[in-house]
Every structure is written in C-alpha cells, then in structure tokens.
Amino acid sequence: MPSLNIGVATYTLRLWKIDETIALLQKLGIQYCSLKDSHLPRNASPEELKAIVAKFKDAGITALSCGNVGLKNDEVDARKAFQYAKDAGIGIMVCAPPVDALPLLDRLVKEYDLKLAIHNHGPEDKQFPTPYDAYNLVRRLDKRIGLCVDVGHCARGGKDPAKAILDCRDRVYDIHMKDIHTTERNGRAKEVGRGVLDIPSILRALVKIQFQGNVGFEY
C-alpha cells in the first residue's frame, strides 16, 4: 500500500519561532511541512529563503509547499509571489487568488514552472468555497494550476471531502487536514479525531489516488 507524506501546515505553529517549530516537529517525528510566511517571510532575501528551507531540511523536515499566499489580479504582485516561492526552491505554492486572476496565473505558471494549489475557504469564500469551484475553472488551464483541498472548509461548504479528493484527483496538489465540530457553516476546528469528519475515508481517498503532496495537519 502506498504511504502518505503526513506533515504539518506551519500556520498551525504561526506563533512559534522557527527553531521552536523545528524542535516540535522533530519531537513528533514529522518529516514534511507546508511553510507559512510566519516561518518563511515574504520580505526575506533569496538567500534567506533558501537558508530557512535548508534549516528545516537539515533537521529532517522537507517543505513540500508554501503558503497560503494571497494573490491579486496584478502582474507585479503576482510575480513577487511567484519569485518568492521560486527563490525558496519550493515547487508548490498554496494560494488564494481572485477568479479574474486565473488567465494571468495560467501564463505565469508556465514561465516560472511552478505549481499552484488553490485553497478553498468554505461558504464565506466568494471565490472558491469548495474544491469543485476551483476545479471546474482550472481543469481547462495549465496542469500546474491545481488545488489545496482544505477538508474542513470543504465539509462546511456542503461537500464530502473524500469524494472531492477522488473527483478532483488530477489537480489535487496539497491537503489541509483538520477536523470540525459540525459540518454546518459555523463548524469550528477540533483536534483530528475529536470532530465529525470521516478521517479514515479521507485518508483512504488520498491513498487511492496515490497522493504525493503534503497531508498538512492544520489547527
């Protein structure tokens, strides 16, 4: 049976410094992560970005993605974000763009050879409330534009996360794994296993599609 890259989205540890975060991930035996800008600053130099990623790597923790990065329909702004991920040497950028930025992003992923993983943020998100809203728009664009499926927000949006992973399998590049106390709109984060999501079905779906990205636990 194929294994999954069980990791952490370091947004979870956004109040912790880099060394503290690394120490905790090592204590837990975590080998993968998605780096949030609290640990990978957007204003850092290319040398600083590479050094941070290397510091995690030297500690046995591989950054499989970075983000979530907010994007605008503005080429200057978008290029800064793409260059940020490129300078860090991370091949997948989790992002939250507006729909009207997709033509621009379709062009830039080819130029930078970088994968995007569009994050769904639940019913409050007017752009991409569920993975399907992103998938239906990007499936005709360059293959480097895909999804970060946030399973909690997906369920709050009225969709089964496991089914969404299977239905969108060819564009699923990152996962935010969590649990929630209810699948209603007001669902709040819970420790995984203490909420209402069918976590085993989500993991089975990821194994079935042979998912190779970061299964990033986020709280």
C-alpha atoms as a PDB file:
ATOM      1  CA  MET A   1       0.000   0.000   0.000  1.00  0.00           C
ATOM      2  CA  PRO A   2       1.444   3.435  -0.887  1.00  0.00           C
ATOM      3  CA  SER A   3       2.363   5.681   2.024  1.00  0.00           C
ATOM      4  CA  LEU A   4       1.303   9.275   2.573  1.00  0.00           C
ATOM      5  CA  ASN A   5       3.503  12.250   3.398  1.00  0.00           C
ATOM      6  CA  ILE A   6       1.956  13.095   6.749  1.00  0.00           C
ATOM      7  CA  GLY A   7       3.063  16.579   7.678  1.00  0.00           C
ATOM      8  CA  VAL A   8       2.002  19.906   9.154  1.00  0.00           C
ATOM      9  CA  ALA A   9       0.882  23.226   7.734  1.00  0.00           C
ATOM     10  CA  THR A  10       3.038  25.530   9.833  1.00  0.00           C
ATOM     11  CA  TYR A  11       0.212  28.062  10.006  1.00  0.00           C
ATOM     12  CA  THR A  12      -0.685  25.854  12.973  1.00  0.00           C
ATOM     13  CA  LEU A  13       2.537  27.000  14.664  1.00  0.00           C
ATOM     14  CA  ARG A  14       2.466  30.589  13.428  1.00  0.00           C
ATOM     15  CA  LEU A  15       3.094  31.980  16.932  1.00  0.00           C
ATOM     16  CA  TRP A  16       6.212  29.835  17.335  1.00  0.00           C
ATOM     17  CA  LYS A  17       9.657  30.857  16.142  1.00  0.00           C
ATOM     18  CA  ILE A  18      11.494  28.796  13.514  1.00  0.00           C
ATOM     19  CA  ASP A  19      13.753  26.944  15.962  1.00  0.00           C
ATOM     20  CA  GLU A  20      10.826  26.183  18.270  1.00  0.00           C
ATOM     21  CA  THR A  21       8.771  24.919  15.338  1.00  0.00           C
ATOM     22  CA  ILE A  22      11.563  22.671  14.113  1.00  0.00           C
ATOM     23  CA  ALA A  23      12.125  21.267  17.601  1.00  0.00           C
ATOM     24  CA  LEU A  24       8.445  20.427  17.994  1.00  0.00           C
ATOM     25  CA  LEU A  25       8.161  18.808  14.571  1.00  0.00           C
ATOM     26  CA  GLN A  26      11.253  16.718  15.343  1.00  0.00           C
ATOM     27  CA  LYS A  27       9.776  15.672  18.681  1.00  0.00           C
ATOM     28  CA  LEU A  28       6.659  14.477  16.857  1.00  0.00           C
ATOM     29  CA  GLY A  29       8.642  12.730  14.148  1.00  0.00           C
ATOM     30  CA  ILE A  30       7.159  14.951  11.415  1.00  0.00           C
ATOM     31  CA  GLN A  31       9.177  14.858   8.183  1.00  0.00           C
ATOM     32  CA  TYR A  32       7.102  17.127   5.902  1.00  0.00           C
ATOM     33  CA  CYS A  33       5.552  20.563   6.092  1.00  0.00           C
ATOM     34  CA  SER A  34       3.979  23.447   4.242  1.00  0.00           C
ATOM     35  CA  LEU A  35       5.726  26.648   5.283  1.00  0.00           C
ATOM     36  CA  LYS A  36       3.618  29.660   6.193  1.00  0.00           C
ATOM     37  CA  ASP A  37       5.101  33.147   5.860  1.00  0.00           C
ATOM     38  CA  SER A  38       5.386  33.377   9.650  1.00  0.00           C
ATOM     39  CA  HIS A  39       8.325  30.991   9.155  1.00  0.00           C
ATOM     40  CA  LEU A  40       9.192  31.852   5.536  1.00  0.00           C
ATOM     41  CA  PRO A  41       8.839  35.660   5.432  1.00  0.00           C
ATOM     42  CA  ARG A  42       7.644  37.220   2.196  1.00  0.00           C
ATOM     43  CA  ASN A  43      10.156  40.050   2.578  1.00  0.00           C
ATOM     44  CA  ALA A  44      13.183  37.797   3.067  1.00  0.00           C
ATOM     45  CA  SER A  45      16.006  37.832   0.542  1.00  0.00           C
ATOM     46  CA  PRO A  46      16.510  34.866  -1.819  1.00  0.00           C
ATOM     47  CA  GLU A  47      19.489  33.799   0.281  1.00  0.00           C
ATOM     48  CA  GLU A  48      17.465  33.991   3.495  1.00  0.00           C
ATOM     49  CA  LEU A  49      14.607  31.984   1.992  1.00  0.00           C
ATOM     50  CA  LYS A  50      16.945  29.222   0.826  1.00  0.00           C
ATOM     51  CA  ALA A  51      18.630  29.171   4.245  1.00  0.00           C
ATOM     52  CA  ILE A  52      15.310  28.741   6.066  1.00  0.00           C
ATOM     53  CA  VAL A  53      14.224  25.870   3.823  1.00  0.00           C
ATOM     54  CA  ALA A  54      17.672  24.301   4.246  1.00  0.00           C
ATOM     55  CA  LYS A  55      17.413  24.636   8.022  1.00  0.00           C
ATOM     56  CA  PHE A  56      14.201  22.607   8.021  1.00  0.00           C
ATOM     57  CA  LYS A  57      15.748  20.120   5.587  1.00  0.00           C
ATOM     58  CA  ASP A  58      18.851  19.687   7.745  1.00  0.00           C
ATOM     59  CA  ALA A  59      16.523  18.908  10.650  1.00  0.00           C
ATOM     60  CA  GLY A  60      14.885  16.143   8.599  1.00  0.00           C
ATOM     61  CA  ILE A  61      11.823  18.160   7.569  1.00  0.00           C
ATOM     62  CA  THR A  62      11.098  18.694   3.876  1.00  0.00           C
ATOM     63  CA  ALA A  63       8.971  21.674   2.812  1.00  0.00           C
ATOM     64  CA  LEU A  64       6.678  20.307   0.111  1.00  0.00           C
ATOM     65  CA  SER A  65       4.760  23.568  -0.318  1.00  0.00           C
ATOM     66  CA  CYS A  66       4.470  27.107   0.982  1.00  0.00           C
ATOM     67  CA  GLY A  67       1.512  29.339   1.733  1.00  0.00           C
ATOM     68  CA  ASN A  68      -1.296  30.153   1.918  1.00  0.00           C
ATOM     69  CA  VAL A  69      -0.251  33.156  -0.206  1.00  0.00           C
ATOM     70  CA  GLY A  70      -2.801  35.813  -1.064  1.00  0.00           C
ATOM     71  CA  LEU A  71      -2.744  36.820  -4.736  1.00  0.00           C
ATOM     72  CA  LYS A  72      -4.236  39.722  -6.661  1.00  0.00           C
ATOM     73  CA  ASN A  73      -5.099  40.177 -10.311  1.00  0.00           C
ATOM     74  CA  ASP A  74      -1.990  42.295 -10.650  1.00  0.00           C
ATOM     75  CA  GLU A  75       1.077  41.113 -12.540  1.00  0.00           C
ATOM     76  CA  VAL A  76       3.609  42.926 -10.367  1.00  0.00           C
ATOM     77  CA  ASP A  77       2.093  41.496  -7.197  1.00  0.00           C
ATOM     78  CA  ALA A  78       1.765  38.009  -8.683  1.00  0.00           C
ATOM     79  CA  ARG A  79       5.343  37.988  -9.926  1.00  0.00           C
ATOM     80  CA  LYS A  80       6.581  38.841  -6.433  1.00  0.00           C
ATOM     81  CA  ALA A  81       4.682  35.849  -5.054  1.00  0.00           C
ATOM     82  CA  PHE A  82       5.954  33.502  -7.766  1.00  0.00           C
ATOM     83  CA  GLN A  83       9.527  34.707  -7.279  1.00  0.00           C
ATOM     84  CA  TYR A  84       9.169  34.198  -3.515  1.00  0.00           C
ATOM     85  CA  ALA A  85       8.327  30.519  -3.958  1.00  0.00           C
ATOM     86  CA  LYS A  86      10.907  30.100  -6.699  1.00  0.00           C
ATOM     87  CA  ASP A  87      13.669  31.684  -4.601  1.00  0.00           C
ATOM     88  CA  ALA A  88      12.782  29.386  -1.699  1.00  0.00           C
ATOM     89  CA  GLY A  89      13.116  26.386  -4.008  1.00  0.00           C
ATOM     90  CA  ILE A  90       9.607  25.160  -3.207  1.00  0.00           C
ATOM     91  CA  GLY A  91       7.672  23.754  -6.147  1.00  0.00           C
ATOM     92  CA  ILE A  92       4.100  24.220  -4.898  1.00  0.00           C
ATOM     93  CA  MET A  93       2.535  27.471  -3.706  1.00  0.00           C
ATOM     94  CA  VAL A  94      -0.773  27.234  -1.862  1.00  0.00           C
ATOM     95  CA  CYS A  95      -2.689  30.363  -2.781  1.00  0.00           C
ATOM     96  CA  ALA A  96      -5.945  32.297  -2.658  1.00  0.00           C
ATOM     97  CA  PRO A  97      -6.399  34.235  -5.913  1.00  0.00           C
ATOM     98  CA  PRO A  98      -9.462  36.006  -7.299  1.00  0.00           C
ATOM     99  CA  VAL A  99     -11.158  34.248 -10.196  1.00  0.00           C
ATOM    100  CA  ASP A 100     -10.278  37.034 -12.611  1.00  0.00           C
ATOM    101  CA  ALA A 101      -6.560  36.418 -11.963  1.00  0.00           C
ATOM    102  CA  LEU A 102      -6.656  32.912 -13.468  1.00  0.00           C
ATOM    103  CA  PRO A 103      -5.614  33.950 -17.015  1.00  0.00           C
ATOM    104  CA  LEU A 104      -2.602  35.752 -15.548  1.00  0.00           C
ATOM    105  CA  LEU A 105      -1.710  32.780 -13.344  1.00  0.00           C
ATOM    106  CA  ASP A 106      -2.097  30.410 -16.296  1.00  0.00           C
ATOM    107  CA  ARG A 107       0.626  32.389 -18.032  1.00  0.00           C
ATOM    108  CA  LEU A 108       2.933  32.690 -15.031  1.00  0.00           C
ATOM    109  CA  VAL A 109       2.936  29.006 -14.052  1.00  0.00           C
ATOM    110  CA  LYS A 110       4.406  28.282 -17.482  1.00  0.00           C
ATOM    111  CA  GLU A 111       7.042  30.977 -17.157  1.00  0.00           C
ATOM    112  CA  TYR A 112       8.098  30.050 -13.605  1.00  0.00           C
ATOM    113  CA  ASP A 113       7.370  26.302 -13.898  1.00  0.00           C
ATOM    114  CA  LEU A 114       5.669  26.412 -10.512  1.00  0.00           C
ATOM    115  CA  LYS A 115       2.574  24.578  -9.310  1.00  0.00           C
ATOM    116  CA  LEU A 116      -0.280  26.475  -7.670  1.00  0.00           C
ATOM    117  CA  ALA A 117      -2.678  24.879  -5.191  1.00  0.00           C
ATOM    118  CA  ILE A 118      -5.817  26.998  -4.857  1.00  0.00           C
ATOM    119  CA  HIS A 119      -7.188  26.848  -1.322  1.00  0.00           C
ATOM    120  CA  ASN A 120     -10.950  26.563  -0.706  1.00  0.00           C
ATOM    121  CA  HIS A 121     -12.157  28.538   2.306  1.00  0.00           C
ATOM    122  CA  GLY A 122     -15.731  27.412   2.869  1.00  0.00           C
ATOM    123  CA  PRO A 123     -19.085  29.156   2.466  1.00  0.00           C
ATOM    124  CA  GLU A 124     -17.705  32.593   3.358  1.00  0.00           C
ATOM    125  CA  ASP A 125     -15.317  32.405   0.392  1.00  0.00           C
ATOM    126  CA  LYS A 126     -16.946  34.150  -2.563  1.00  0.00           C
ATOM    127  CA  GLN A 127     -14.279  32.848  -4.967  1.00  0.00           C
ATOM    128  CA  PHE A 128     -13.676  29.194  -4.106  1.00  0.00           C
ATOM    129  CA  PRO A 129     -15.917  27.915  -1.295  1.00  0.00           C
ATOM    130  CA  THR A 130     -15.315  24.253  -2.214  1.00  0.00           C
ATOM    131  CA  PRO A 131     -12.659  22.384  -4.200  1.00  0.00           C
ATOM    132  CA  TYR A 132     -15.172  21.911  -7.015  1.00  0.00           C
ATOM    133  CA  ASP A 133     -15.465  25.665  -7.543  1.00  0.00           C
ATOM    134  CA  ALA A 134     -11.741  25.841  -8.208  1.00  0.00           C
ATOM    135  CA  TYR A 135     -11.548  22.567 -10.138  1.00  0.00           C
ATOM    136  CA  ASN A 136     -14.292  23.468 -12.585  1.00  0.00           C
ATOM    137  CA  LEU A 137     -12.378  26.627 -13.522  1.00  0.00           C
ATOM    138  CA  VAL A 138      -8.813  25.323 -13.607  1.00  0.00           C
ATOM    139  CA  ARG A 139      -9.347  21.938 -15.250  1.00  0.00           C
ATOM    140  CA  ARG A 140      -9.036  23.604 -18.673  1.00  0.00           C
ATOM    141  CA  LEU A 141      -5.941  25.569 -17.691  1.00  0.00           C
ATOM    142  CA  ASP A 142      -2.309  24.515 -17.436  1.00  0.00           C
ATOM    143  CA  LYS A 143      -1.854  21.351 -15.352  1.00  0.00           C
ATOM    144  CA  ARG A 144       0.366  23.272 -12.959  1.00  0.00           C
ATOM    145  CA  ILE A 145      -2.725  25.022 -11.550  1.00  0.00           C
ATOM    146  CA  GLY A 146      -4.443  22.758  -9.062  1.00  0.00           C
ATOM    147  CA  LEU A 147      -5.974  22.583  -5.603  1.00  0.00           C
ATOM    148  CA  CYS A 148      -5.178  22.604  -1.927  1.00  0.00           C
ATOM    149  CA  VAL A 149      -8.161  20.735  -0.516  1.00  0.00           C
ATOM    150  CA  ASP A 150      -8.996  22.012   2.961  1.00  0.00           C
ATOM    151  CA  VAL A 151     -11.157  19.166   4.225  1.00  0.00           C
ATOM    152  CA  GLY A 152     -12.827  21.170   6.992  1.00  0.00           C
ATOM    153  CA  HIS A 153     -13.867  24.088   4.805  1.00  0.00           C
ATOM    154  CA  CYS A 154     -14.919  21.600   2.112  1.00  0.00           C
ATOM    155  CA  ALA A 155     -17.328  19.904   4.537  1.00  0.00           C
ATOM    156  CA  ARG A 156     -18.650  23.259   5.777  1.00  0.00           C
ATOM    157  CA  GLY A 157     -19.340  24.043   2.122  1.00  0.00           C
ATOM    158  CA  GLY A 158     -21.620  21.023   1.920  1.00  0.00           C
ATOM    159  CA  LYS A 159     -19.268  18.662   0.082  1.00  0.00           C
ATOM    160  CA  ASP A 160     -17.800  15.326   1.131  1.00  0.00           C
ATOM    161  CA  PRO A 161     -14.008  15.833   1.345  1.00  0.00           C
ATOM    162  CA  ALA A 162     -13.147  12.252   0.400  1.00  0.00           C
ATOM    163  CA  LYS A 163     -15.376  12.396  -2.672  1.00  0.00           C
ATOM    164  CA  ALA A 164     -13.951  15.791  -3.646  1.00  0.00           C
ATOM    165  CA  ILE A 165     -10.422  14.373  -3.471  1.00  0.00           C
ATOM    166  CA  LEU A 166     -11.433  11.492  -5.742  1.00  0.00           C
ATOM    167  CA  ASP A 167     -13.405  13.672  -8.152  1.00  0.00           C
ATOM    168  CA  CYS A 168     -10.631  16.258  -8.475  1.00  0.00           C
ATOM    169  CA  ARG A 169      -7.743  13.810  -8.215  1.00  0.00           C
ATOM    170  CA  ASP A 170      -5.795  15.030 -11.236  1.00  0.00           C
ATOM    171  CA  ARG A 171      -5.439  18.521  -9.747  1.00  0.00           C
ATOM    172  CA  VAL A 172      -5.025  17.817  -6.005  1.00  0.00           C
ATOM    173  CA  TYR A 173      -1.560  19.099  -5.058  1.00  0.00           C
ATOM    174  CA  ASP A 174      -1.845  19.875  -1.333  1.00  0.00           C
ATOM    175  CA  ILE A 175      -4.083  18.951   1.613  1.00  0.00           C
ATOM    176  CA  HIS A 176      -5.043  20.831   4.755  1.00  0.00           C
ATOM    177  CA  MET A 177      -6.132  18.120   7.172  1.00  0.00           C
ATOM    178  CA  LYS A 178      -8.292  19.046  10.119  1.00  0.00           C
ATOM    179  CA  ASP A 179     -11.491  18.178  11.939  1.00  0.00           C
ATOM    180  CA  ILE A 180     -14.537  20.295  12.801  1.00  0.00           C
ATOM    181  CA  HIS A 181     -17.257  20.096  15.426  1.00  0.00           C
ATOM    182  CA  THR A 182     -20.083  20.256  12.851  1.00  0.00           C
ATOM    183  CA  THR A 183     -20.390  20.310   9.075  1.00  0.00           C
ATOM    184  CA  GLU A 184     -22.740  23.295   9.300  1.00  0.00           C
ATOM    185  CA  ARG A 185     -21.473  26.708   8.168  1.00  0.00           C
ATOM    186  CA  ASN A 186     -20.388  27.544  11.711  1.00  0.00           C
ATOM    187  CA  GLY A 187     -18.154  24.472  12.073  1.00  0.00           C
ATOM    188  CA  ARG A 188     -15.170  25.164  14.326  1.00  0.00           C
ATOM    189  CA  ALA A 189     -11.800  23.452  14.274  1.00  0.00           C
ATOM    190  CA  LYS A 190     -11.335  20.414  16.502  1.00  0.00           C
ATOM    191  CA  GLU A 191      -8.388  18.121  17.078  1.00  0.00           C
ATOM    192  CA  VAL A 192      -8.386  15.460  14.370  1.00  0.00           C
ATOM    193  CA  GLY A 193     -10.445  12.512  15.576  1.00  0.00           C
ATOM    194  CA  ARG A 194     -12.495  14.570  18.022  1.00  0.00           C
ATOM    195  CA  GLY A 195     -14.832  16.109  15.468  1.00  0.00           C
ATOM    196  CA  VAL A 196     -17.366  14.829  12.966  1.00  0.00           C
ATOM    197  CA  LEU A 197     -15.315  14.321   9.792  1.00  0.00           C
ATOM    198  CA  ASP A 198     -14.787  10.805   8.483  1.00  0.00           C
ATOM    199  CA  ILE A 199     -10.993  10.998   8.650  1.00  0.00           C
ATOM    200  CA  PRO A 200     -10.388   7.352   7.595  1.00  0.00           C
ATOM    201  CA  SER A 201     -12.376   7.903   4.380  1.00  0.00           C
ATOM    202  CA  ILE A 202     -10.279  10.979   3.574  1.00  0.00           C
ATOM    203  CA  LEU A 203      -7.044   9.067   4.124  1.00  0.00           C
ATOM    204  CA  ARG A 204      -8.317   6.160   2.028  1.00  0.00           C
ATOM    205  CA  ALA A 205      -9.126   8.573  -0.809  1.00  0.00           C
ATOM    206  CA  LEU A 206      -5.600  10.019  -0.658  1.00  0.00           C
ATOM    207  CA  VAL A 207      -4.071   6.537  -0.721  1.00  0.00           C
ATOM    208  CA  LYS A 208      -6.317   5.572  -3.635  1.00  0.00           C
ATOM    209  CA  ILE A 209      -5.116   8.482  -5.778  1.00  0.00           C
ATOM    210  CA  GLN A 210      -1.522   7.813  -4.664  1.00  0.00           C
ATOM    211  CA  PHE A 211      -1.223  11.355  -3.374  1.00  0.00           C
ATOM    212  CA  GLN A 212       2.396  12.521  -3.129  1.00  0.00           C
ATOM    213  CA  GLY A 213       1.940  16.018  -1.684  1.00  0.00           C
ATOM    214  CA  ASN A 214       1.859  17.268   1.896  1.00  0.00           C
ATOM    215  CA  VAL A 215      -1.002  15.986   4.034  1.00  0.00           C
ATOM    216  CA  GLY A 216      -0.670  19.013   6.268  1.00  0.00           C
ATOM    217  CA  PHE A 217      -2.384  18.834   9.628  1.00  0.00           C
ATOM    218  CA  GLU A 218      -3.659  22.319  10.403  1.00  0.00           C
ATOM    219  CA  TYR A 219      -5.229  23.655  13.560  1.00  0.00           C
END
